N, C-alpha and C. Protein backbone atom coordinates (compact mmCIF):
# COMPACT_ATOMS: atom_id res chain seq x y z
N MET A 1 95.62 91.10 121.49
CA MET A 1 96.53 90.01 121.16
C MET A 1 95.86 88.70 121.55
N LYS A 2 96.01 87.69 120.74
CA LYS A 2 95.33 86.42 120.95
C LYS A 2 96.01 85.52 121.98
N HIS A 3 97.33 85.63 122.13
CA HIS A 3 98.07 84.67 122.94
C HIS A 3 98.87 85.38 124.03
N ALA A 4 99.36 84.61 124.99
CA ALA A 4 100.18 85.16 126.06
C ALA A 4 101.63 85.33 125.63
N SER A 5 101.97 84.90 124.42
CA SER A 5 103.30 85.12 123.87
C SER A 5 103.17 85.47 122.40
N ILE A 6 104.22 86.02 121.85
CA ILE A 6 104.23 86.44 120.45
C ILE A 6 105.22 85.58 119.69
N ILE A 7 104.79 85.05 118.56
CA ILE A 7 105.68 84.28 117.71
C ILE A 7 105.93 85.08 116.44
N VAL A 8 107.19 85.42 116.24
CA VAL A 8 107.60 86.19 115.06
C VAL A 8 108.38 85.24 114.16
N ARG A 9 108.04 85.26 112.90
CA ARG A 9 108.73 84.41 111.92
C ARG A 9 109.82 85.23 111.26
N ALA A 10 111.02 84.70 111.22
CA ALA A 10 112.15 85.35 110.56
C ALA A 10 112.64 84.47 109.42
N ASP A 11 112.64 85.01 108.22
CA ASP A 11 113.07 84.27 107.04
C ASP A 11 114.22 85.00 106.37
N TRP A 12 115.13 84.23 105.82
CA TRP A 12 116.25 84.80 105.08
C TRP A 12 115.80 85.07 103.65
N ASP A 13 115.94 86.31 103.21
CA ASP A 13 115.62 86.70 101.83
C ASP A 13 116.92 86.69 101.05
N GLU A 14 117.13 85.62 100.31
CA GLU A 14 118.39 85.43 99.57
C GLU A 14 118.63 86.56 98.58
N GLU A 15 117.60 86.95 97.88
CA GLU A 15 117.75 87.99 96.86
C GLU A 15 118.15 89.34 97.46
N ALA A 16 117.52 89.72 98.56
CA ALA A 16 117.82 91.00 99.20
C ALA A 16 119.01 90.91 100.15
N GLY A 17 119.35 89.69 100.59
CA GLY A 17 120.46 89.50 101.51
C GLY A 17 120.18 89.99 102.91
N VAL A 18 118.91 89.84 103.35
CA VAL A 18 118.52 90.29 104.69
C VAL A 18 117.57 89.29 105.34
N TRP A 19 117.52 89.33 106.67
CA TRP A 19 116.49 88.62 107.42
C TRP A 19 115.24 89.49 107.45
N VAL A 20 114.08 88.88 107.27
CA VAL A 20 112.81 89.59 107.31
C VAL A 20 111.94 88.95 108.38
N ALA A 21 111.47 89.77 109.33
CA ALA A 21 110.63 89.28 110.42
C ALA A 21 109.22 89.80 110.26
N SER A 22 108.23 88.94 110.54
CA SER A 22 106.83 89.35 110.44
C SER A 22 105.98 88.53 111.40
N ASN A 23 104.76 89.03 111.61
CA ASN A 23 103.80 88.36 112.49
C ASN A 23 102.41 88.74 112.01
N ASP A 24 101.53 87.78 111.83
CA ASP A 24 100.18 88.04 111.33
C ASP A 24 99.28 88.70 112.35
N ASP A 25 99.57 88.54 113.64
CA ASP A 25 98.69 89.08 114.69
C ASP A 25 98.96 90.54 115.01
N ILE A 26 100.15 91.04 114.65
CA ILE A 26 100.50 92.42 114.97
C ILE A 26 100.59 93.20 113.66
N GLU A 27 99.56 93.98 113.38
CA GLU A 27 99.51 94.74 112.14
C GLU A 27 100.67 95.73 112.06
N GLY A 28 101.36 95.70 110.94
CA GLY A 28 102.46 96.63 110.73
C GLY A 28 103.83 96.08 111.10
N LEU A 29 103.88 94.87 111.63
CA LEU A 29 105.18 94.30 112.02
C LEU A 29 105.87 93.72 110.80
N ALA A 30 106.89 94.44 110.34
CA ALA A 30 107.74 93.99 109.23
C ALA A 30 109.10 94.63 109.46
N VAL A 31 110.10 93.80 109.73
CA VAL A 31 111.42 94.29 110.11
C VAL A 31 112.47 93.56 109.28
N GLU A 32 113.50 94.30 108.85
CA GLU A 32 114.62 93.72 108.12
C GLU A 32 115.92 93.99 108.85
N ALA A 33 116.87 93.06 108.71
CA ALA A 33 118.21 93.26 109.26
C ALA A 33 119.20 92.40 108.49
N ASN A 34 120.44 92.86 108.45
CA ASN A 34 121.48 92.14 107.71
C ASN A 34 121.89 90.84 108.39
N THR A 35 121.78 90.78 109.72
CA THR A 35 122.13 89.56 110.46
C THR A 35 120.99 89.22 111.42
N PHE A 36 120.95 87.95 111.80
CA PHE A 36 119.92 87.53 112.76
C PHE A 36 120.14 88.22 114.11
N GLU A 37 121.40 88.41 114.48
CA GLU A 37 121.72 89.05 115.77
C GLU A 37 121.22 90.49 115.84
N THR A 38 121.24 91.20 114.72
CA THR A 38 120.75 92.58 114.73
C THR A 38 119.24 92.66 114.52
N LEU A 39 118.63 91.55 114.14
CA LEU A 39 117.18 91.52 113.94
C LEU A 39 116.43 91.61 115.27
N GLU A 40 116.90 90.89 116.26
CA GLU A 40 116.17 90.80 117.55
C GLU A 40 115.90 92.16 118.20
N PRO A 41 116.87 93.05 118.38
CA PRO A 41 116.54 94.32 119.01
C PRO A 41 115.60 95.18 118.16
N LYS A 42 115.67 95.04 116.84
CA LYS A 42 114.75 95.77 115.97
C LYS A 42 113.32 95.27 116.15
N VAL A 43 113.17 93.94 116.22
CA VAL A 43 111.84 93.34 116.41
C VAL A 43 111.24 93.82 117.73
N VAL A 44 112.02 93.79 118.80
CA VAL A 44 111.53 94.20 120.12
C VAL A 44 111.11 95.67 120.09
N ALA A 45 111.92 96.52 119.47
CA ALA A 45 111.61 97.95 119.40
C ALA A 45 110.33 98.22 118.62
N VAL A 46 110.17 97.53 117.49
CA VAL A 46 108.98 97.75 116.67
C VAL A 46 107.73 97.24 117.37
N ILE A 47 107.81 96.07 118.01
CA ILE A 47 106.65 95.56 118.75
C ILE A 47 106.25 96.53 119.86
N THR A 48 107.23 97.02 120.60
CA THR A 48 106.94 97.99 121.67
C THR A 48 106.26 99.22 121.12
N ASP A 49 106.78 99.76 120.02
CA ASP A 49 106.18 100.95 119.39
C ASP A 49 104.76 100.68 118.91
N LEU A 50 104.55 99.53 118.26
CA LEU A 50 103.22 99.20 117.75
C LEU A 50 102.22 99.00 118.88
N PHE A 51 102.65 98.41 120.00
CA PHE A 51 101.76 98.27 121.15
C PHE A 51 101.32 99.63 121.64
N GLU A 52 102.26 100.55 121.77
CA GLU A 52 101.94 101.89 122.24
C GLU A 52 101.03 102.63 121.26
N LEU A 53 101.33 102.54 119.97
CA LEU A 53 100.53 103.22 118.95
C LEU A 53 99.11 102.67 118.86
N ASN A 54 98.97 101.36 119.05
CA ASN A 54 97.66 100.71 118.91
C ASN A 54 96.90 100.60 120.23
N GLY A 55 97.45 101.13 121.31
CA GLY A 55 96.76 101.10 122.60
C GLY A 55 96.63 99.71 123.19
N PHE A 56 97.56 98.82 122.91
CA PHE A 56 97.53 97.46 123.44
C PHE A 56 97.71 97.49 124.95
N THR A 57 96.94 96.67 125.65
CA THR A 57 97.10 96.53 127.09
C THR A 57 97.18 95.05 127.44
N SER A 58 97.90 94.77 128.53
CA SER A 58 98.04 93.40 129.00
C SER A 58 98.25 93.43 130.50
N SER A 59 97.80 92.38 131.18
CA SER A 59 98.02 92.27 132.62
C SER A 59 99.32 91.54 132.95
N LEU A 60 100.03 91.09 131.91
CA LEU A 60 101.29 90.38 132.12
C LEU A 60 102.44 91.36 132.36
N PRO A 61 103.33 91.07 133.30
CA PRO A 61 104.48 91.96 133.51
C PRO A 61 105.49 91.89 132.36
N GLU A 62 105.57 90.76 131.70
CA GLU A 62 106.44 90.57 130.54
C GLU A 62 105.69 89.73 129.51
N ILE A 63 105.95 90.01 128.24
CA ILE A 63 105.33 89.24 127.17
C ILE A 63 106.44 88.54 126.40
N PRO A 64 106.48 87.22 126.41
CA PRO A 64 107.53 86.49 125.69
C PRO A 64 107.40 86.69 124.18
N VAL A 65 108.54 86.94 123.53
CA VAL A 65 108.59 87.06 122.08
C VAL A 65 109.52 85.97 121.56
N HIS A 66 108.97 85.08 120.76
CA HIS A 66 109.74 83.98 120.16
C HIS A 66 110.05 84.37 118.72
N ILE A 67 111.33 84.51 118.40
CA ILE A 67 111.72 84.81 117.03
C ILE A 67 112.19 83.49 116.42
N MET A 68 111.38 82.95 115.53
CA MET A 68 111.62 81.65 114.93
C MET A 68 112.27 81.85 113.57
N ALA A 69 113.49 81.36 113.42
CA ALA A 69 114.24 81.56 112.18
C ALA A 69 114.27 80.31 111.33
N GLU A 70 114.26 80.55 110.05
CA GLU A 70 114.39 79.46 109.10
C GLU A 70 115.24 79.95 107.94
N GLN A 71 116.24 79.17 107.60
CA GLN A 71 117.09 79.51 106.47
C GLN A 71 117.33 78.26 105.66
N LEU A 72 117.02 78.33 104.39
CA LEU A 72 117.23 77.20 103.49
C LEU A 72 118.66 77.25 102.96
N VAL A 73 119.36 76.15 103.08
CA VAL A 73 120.72 76.02 102.56
C VAL A 73 120.73 74.86 101.58
N ARG A 74 121.35 75.06 100.45
CA ARG A 74 121.45 73.99 99.45
C ARG A 74 122.90 73.56 99.32
N ILE A 75 123.10 72.26 99.18
CA ILE A 75 124.44 71.73 98.96
C ILE A 75 124.45 70.97 97.63
N LEU A 76 125.60 70.88 97.03
CA LEU A 76 125.73 70.09 95.82
C LEU A 76 125.66 68.62 96.18
N ASN A 77 124.96 67.86 95.40
CA ASN A 77 124.85 66.43 95.61
C ASN A 77 126.14 65.77 95.13
N PRO A 78 126.92 65.19 96.03
CA PRO A 78 128.20 64.60 95.63
C PRO A 78 128.05 63.36 94.74
N THR A 79 126.85 62.79 94.69
CA THR A 79 126.64 61.59 93.86
C THR A 79 125.93 61.90 92.55
N TYR A 80 125.68 63.15 92.27
CA TYR A 80 124.95 63.55 91.07
C TYR A 80 125.84 63.55 89.85
């Protein structure tokens, strides 16, 4: 792992109606959930599993995971 913390990007997939989380540094990390609240425990579980499967080691007692969410919302222009 390149950093002392992990940044996971969470995007809302309007078409599928789910949040999708991914990270370029952790191969295989792709998680979906219907709500942002249910996404977090899934992300943590998958990262833990991937670390164990890939033999990841760290000297840190805890590794911070930042789940960064972005959701685009459109409103009607009242002056249009």
